[in-house]
C-alpha atoms as a PDB file:
ATOM      1  CA  MET A   1      -6.661   9.473 -27.239  1.00  0.00           C
ATOM      2  CA  SER A   2      -3.237   8.290 -28.296  1.00  0.00           C
ATOM      3  CA  VAL A   3      -2.603   5.189 -30.335  1.00  0.00           C
ATOM      4  CA  PRO A   4      -0.889   2.375 -28.441  1.00  0.00           C
ATOM      5  CA  ASP A   5       2.474   1.281 -29.846  1.00  0.00           C
ATOM      6  CA  ARG A   6       1.204  -2.302 -30.216  1.00  0.00           C
ATOM      7  CA  PRO A   7      -2.564  -1.957 -30.503  1.00  0.00           C
ATOM      8  CA  ILE A   8      -4.786  -4.898 -29.696  1.00  0.00           C
ATOM      9  CA  PRO A   9      -8.335  -5.257 -30.974  1.00  0.00           C
ATOM     10  CA  ASN A  10     -11.173  -5.038 -28.497  1.00  0.00           C
ATOM     11  CA  PRO A  11     -12.204  -8.709 -28.150  1.00  0.00           C
ATOM     12  CA  ALA A  12     -15.862  -7.684 -27.953  1.00  0.00           C
ATOM     13  CA  ALA A  13     -15.744  -5.888 -31.321  1.00  0.00           C
ATOM     14  CA  VAL A  14     -17.658  -7.496 -34.151  1.00  0.00           C
ATOM     15  CA  GLN A  15     -16.856  -7.202 -37.850  1.00  0.00           C
ATOM     16  CA  GLU A  16     -19.434  -7.565 -40.613  1.00  0.00           C
ATOM     17  CA  GLU A  17     -18.208  -7.461 -44.209  1.00  0.00           C
ATOM     18  CA  GLY A  18     -20.648  -5.995 -46.697  1.00  0.00           C
ATOM     19  CA  ASN A  19     -21.077  -6.850 -50.363  1.00  0.00           C
ATOM     20  CA  ASP A  20     -20.184  -3.289 -51.348  1.00  0.00           C
ATOM     21  CA  GLY A  21     -16.524  -3.393 -50.210  1.00  0.00           C
ATOM     22  CA  TRP A  22     -17.221  -1.767 -46.857  1.00  0.00           C
ATOM     23  CA  THR A  23     -16.837  -3.420 -43.466  1.00  0.00           C
ATOM     24  CA  LEU A  24     -18.903  -2.494 -40.432  1.00  0.00           C
ATOM     25  CA  LEU A  25     -17.160  -2.610 -37.057  1.00  0.00           C
ATOM     26  CA  VAL A  26     -19.444  -2.713 -34.030  1.00  0.00           C
ATOM     27  CA  ASN A  27     -18.327  -2.131 -30.454  1.00  0.00           C
ATOM     28  CA  PRO A  28     -20.939  -3.663 -28.110  1.00  0.00           C
ATOM     29  CA  ASP A  29     -19.163  -2.093 -25.114  1.00  0.00           C
ATOM     30  CA  THR A  30     -20.132   1.398 -26.298  1.00  0.00           C
ATOM     31  CA  ALA A  31     -22.887   0.592 -28.834  1.00  0.00           C
ATOM     32  CA  GLY A  32     -20.667   2.389 -31.351  1.00  0.00           C
ATOM     33  CA  ALA A  33     -20.149   1.467 -34.968  1.00  0.00           C
ATOM     34  CA  MET A  34     -17.752   2.459 -37.748  1.00  0.00           C
ATOM     35  CA  ALA A  35     -17.831   1.692 -41.442  1.00  0.00           C
ATOM     36  CA  VAL A  36     -14.416   1.261 -43.048  1.00  0.00           C
ATOM     37  CA  ASN A  37     -13.446   0.766 -46.671  1.00  0.00           C
ATOM     38  CA  ARG A  38     -11.293  -2.116 -47.944  1.00  0.00           C
ATOM     39  CA  THR A  39      -8.076  -0.421 -46.848  1.00  0.00           C
ATOM     40  CA  GLY A  40      -9.540   0.244 -43.402  1.00  0.00           C
ATOM     41  CA  ALA A  41     -10.564  -3.416 -43.179  1.00  0.00           C
ATOM     42  CA  MET A  42      -6.964  -4.413 -44.003  1.00  0.00           C
ATOM     43  CA  VAL A  43      -5.737  -2.141 -41.223  1.00  0.00           C
ATOM     44  CA  TRP A  44      -8.224  -3.790 -38.846  1.00  0.00           C
ATOM     45  CA  LYS A  45      -6.935  -7.254 -39.796  1.00  0.00           C
ATOM     46  CA  LEU A  46      -3.329  -6.197 -39.108  1.00  0.00           C
ATOM     47  CA  ILE A  47      -4.154  -5.130 -35.542  1.00  0.00           C
ATOM     48  CA  ASP A  48      -3.147  -8.139 -33.465  1.00  0.00           C
ATOM     49  CA  GLY A  49      -1.199  -6.879 -30.446  1.00  0.00           C
ATOM     50  CA  ARG A  50       2.086  -8.083 -31.924  1.00  0.00           C
ATOM     51  CA  ARG A  51       2.523  -5.557 -34.725  1.00  0.00           C
ATOM     52  CA  THR A  52       3.580  -2.020 -33.913  1.00  0.00           C
ATOM     53  CA  THR A  53       1.826   0.945 -35.476  1.00  0.00           C
ATOM     54  CA  ASP A  54       4.862   1.344 -37.756  1.00  0.00           C
ATOM     55  CA  GLU A  55       4.527  -2.295 -38.866  1.00  0.00           C
ATOM     56  CA  ILE A  56       0.814  -1.797 -39.553  1.00  0.00           C
ATOM     57  CA  VAL A  57       1.599   1.265 -41.686  1.00  0.00           C
ATOM     58  CA  ALA A  58       4.358  -0.679 -43.484  1.00  0.00           C
ATOM     59  CA  GLY A  59       1.939  -3.560 -44.086  1.00  0.00           C
ATOM     60  CA  ILE A  60      -0.535  -1.259 -45.816  1.00  0.00           C
ATOM     61  CA  ARG A  61       2.230   0.476 -47.757  1.00  0.00           C
ATOM     62  CA  SER A  62       3.546  -2.910 -48.993  1.00  0.00           C
ATOM     63  CA  ARG A  63       0.063  -3.861 -50.227  1.00  0.00           C
ATOM     64  CA  PHE A  64      -0.288  -0.525 -52.005  1.00  0.00           C
ATOM     65  CA  PRO A  65       3.199   0.434 -53.231  1.00  0.00           C
ATOM     66  CA  ASP A  66       1.772   3.154 -55.507  1.00  0.00           C
ATOM     67  CA  ALA A  67      -0.233   4.796 -52.717  1.00  0.00           C
ATOM     68  CA  PRO A  68       0.415   8.480 -52.082  1.00  0.00           C
ATOM     69  CA  ASP A  69       2.695   9.517 -49.230  1.00  0.00           C
ATOM     70  CA  SER A  70      -0.390  10.525 -47.240  1.00  0.00           C
ATOM     71  CA  VAL A  71      -1.304   6.852 -46.746  1.00  0.00           C
ATOM     72  CA  ASP A  72       0.953   6.761 -43.669  1.00  0.00           C
ATOM     73  CA  GLU A  73      -0.955   9.652 -42.086  1.00  0.00           C
ATOM     74  CA  ASP A  74      -4.285   8.137 -43.163  1.00  0.00           C
ATOM     75  CA  VAL A  75      -3.503   4.838 -41.410  1.00  0.00           C
ATOM     76  CA  LEU A  76      -2.380   6.638 -38.245  1.00  0.00           C
ATOM     77  CA  GLU A  77      -5.546   8.745 -38.346  1.00  0.00           C
ATOM     78  CA  LEU A  78      -7.690   5.602 -38.617  1.00  0.00           C
ATOM     79  CA  LEU A  79      -5.795   3.984 -35.729  1.00  0.00           C
ATOM     80  CA  ALA A  80      -6.411   7.096 -33.623  1.00  0.00           C
ATOM     81  CA  LYS A  81     -10.136   6.987 -34.435  1.00  0.00           C
ATOM     82  CA  LEU A  82     -10.294   3.262 -33.596  1.00  0.00           C
ATOM     83  CA  ALA A  83      -8.602   3.985 -30.258  1.00  0.00           C
ATOM     84  CA  GLU A  84     -10.931   6.916 -29.544  1.00  0.00           C
ATOM     85  CA  GLU A  85     -13.999   4.773 -30.251  1.00  0.00           C
ATOM     86  CA  GLY A  86     -12.769   1.871 -28.085  1.00  0.00           C
ATOM     87  CA  PHE A  87     -12.093  -0.570 -30.918  1.00  0.00           C
ATOM     88  CA  ILE A  88      -8.409  -0.885 -30.028  1.00  0.00           C
ATOM     89  CA  GLY A  89      -6.363  -0.542 -26.881  1.00  0.00           C
ATOM     90  CA  GLN A  90      -3.243  -1.874 -25.288  1.00  0.00           C
ATOM     91  CA  GLU A  91      -2.398  -4.695 -22.973  1.00  0.00           C
ATOM     92  CA  ILE A  92      -1.555  -3.511 -19.492  1.00  0.00           C
ATOM     93  CA  PRO A  93       0.753  -5.925 -17.666  1.00  0.00           C
ATOM     94  CA  LEU A  94      -0.300  -6.782 -14.133  1.00  0.00           C
ATOM     95  CA  LYS A  95       2.256  -6.107 -11.435  1.00  0.00           C
ATOM     96  CA  GLY A  96       3.636  -9.222  -9.841  1.00  0.00           C
ATOM     97  CA  VAL A  97       2.262 -11.541 -12.522  1.00  0.00           C
ATOM     98  CA  PRO A  98       4.926 -13.280 -14.590  1.00  0.00           C
END
């Protein structure tokens, strides 16, 4: 599944932050779950339907200026996994609705 240009979070998804630095994302639509580290949780918080994937990557890069170049690919890989698992999608405009 491809990553939408401006991903939006699945409104049914639930986030539970653990005491160990990991965050559990649960998708009740599919009964799926994903555990993400602190960086993954930051990515999740940047997904709002307004930011593009490039802006999400830039947001992570700005928080971690010393991160290796692979951080861009890592964020895109996480976004692809979130899309595949139904945690993110895109808004589809209805025809004829202003």
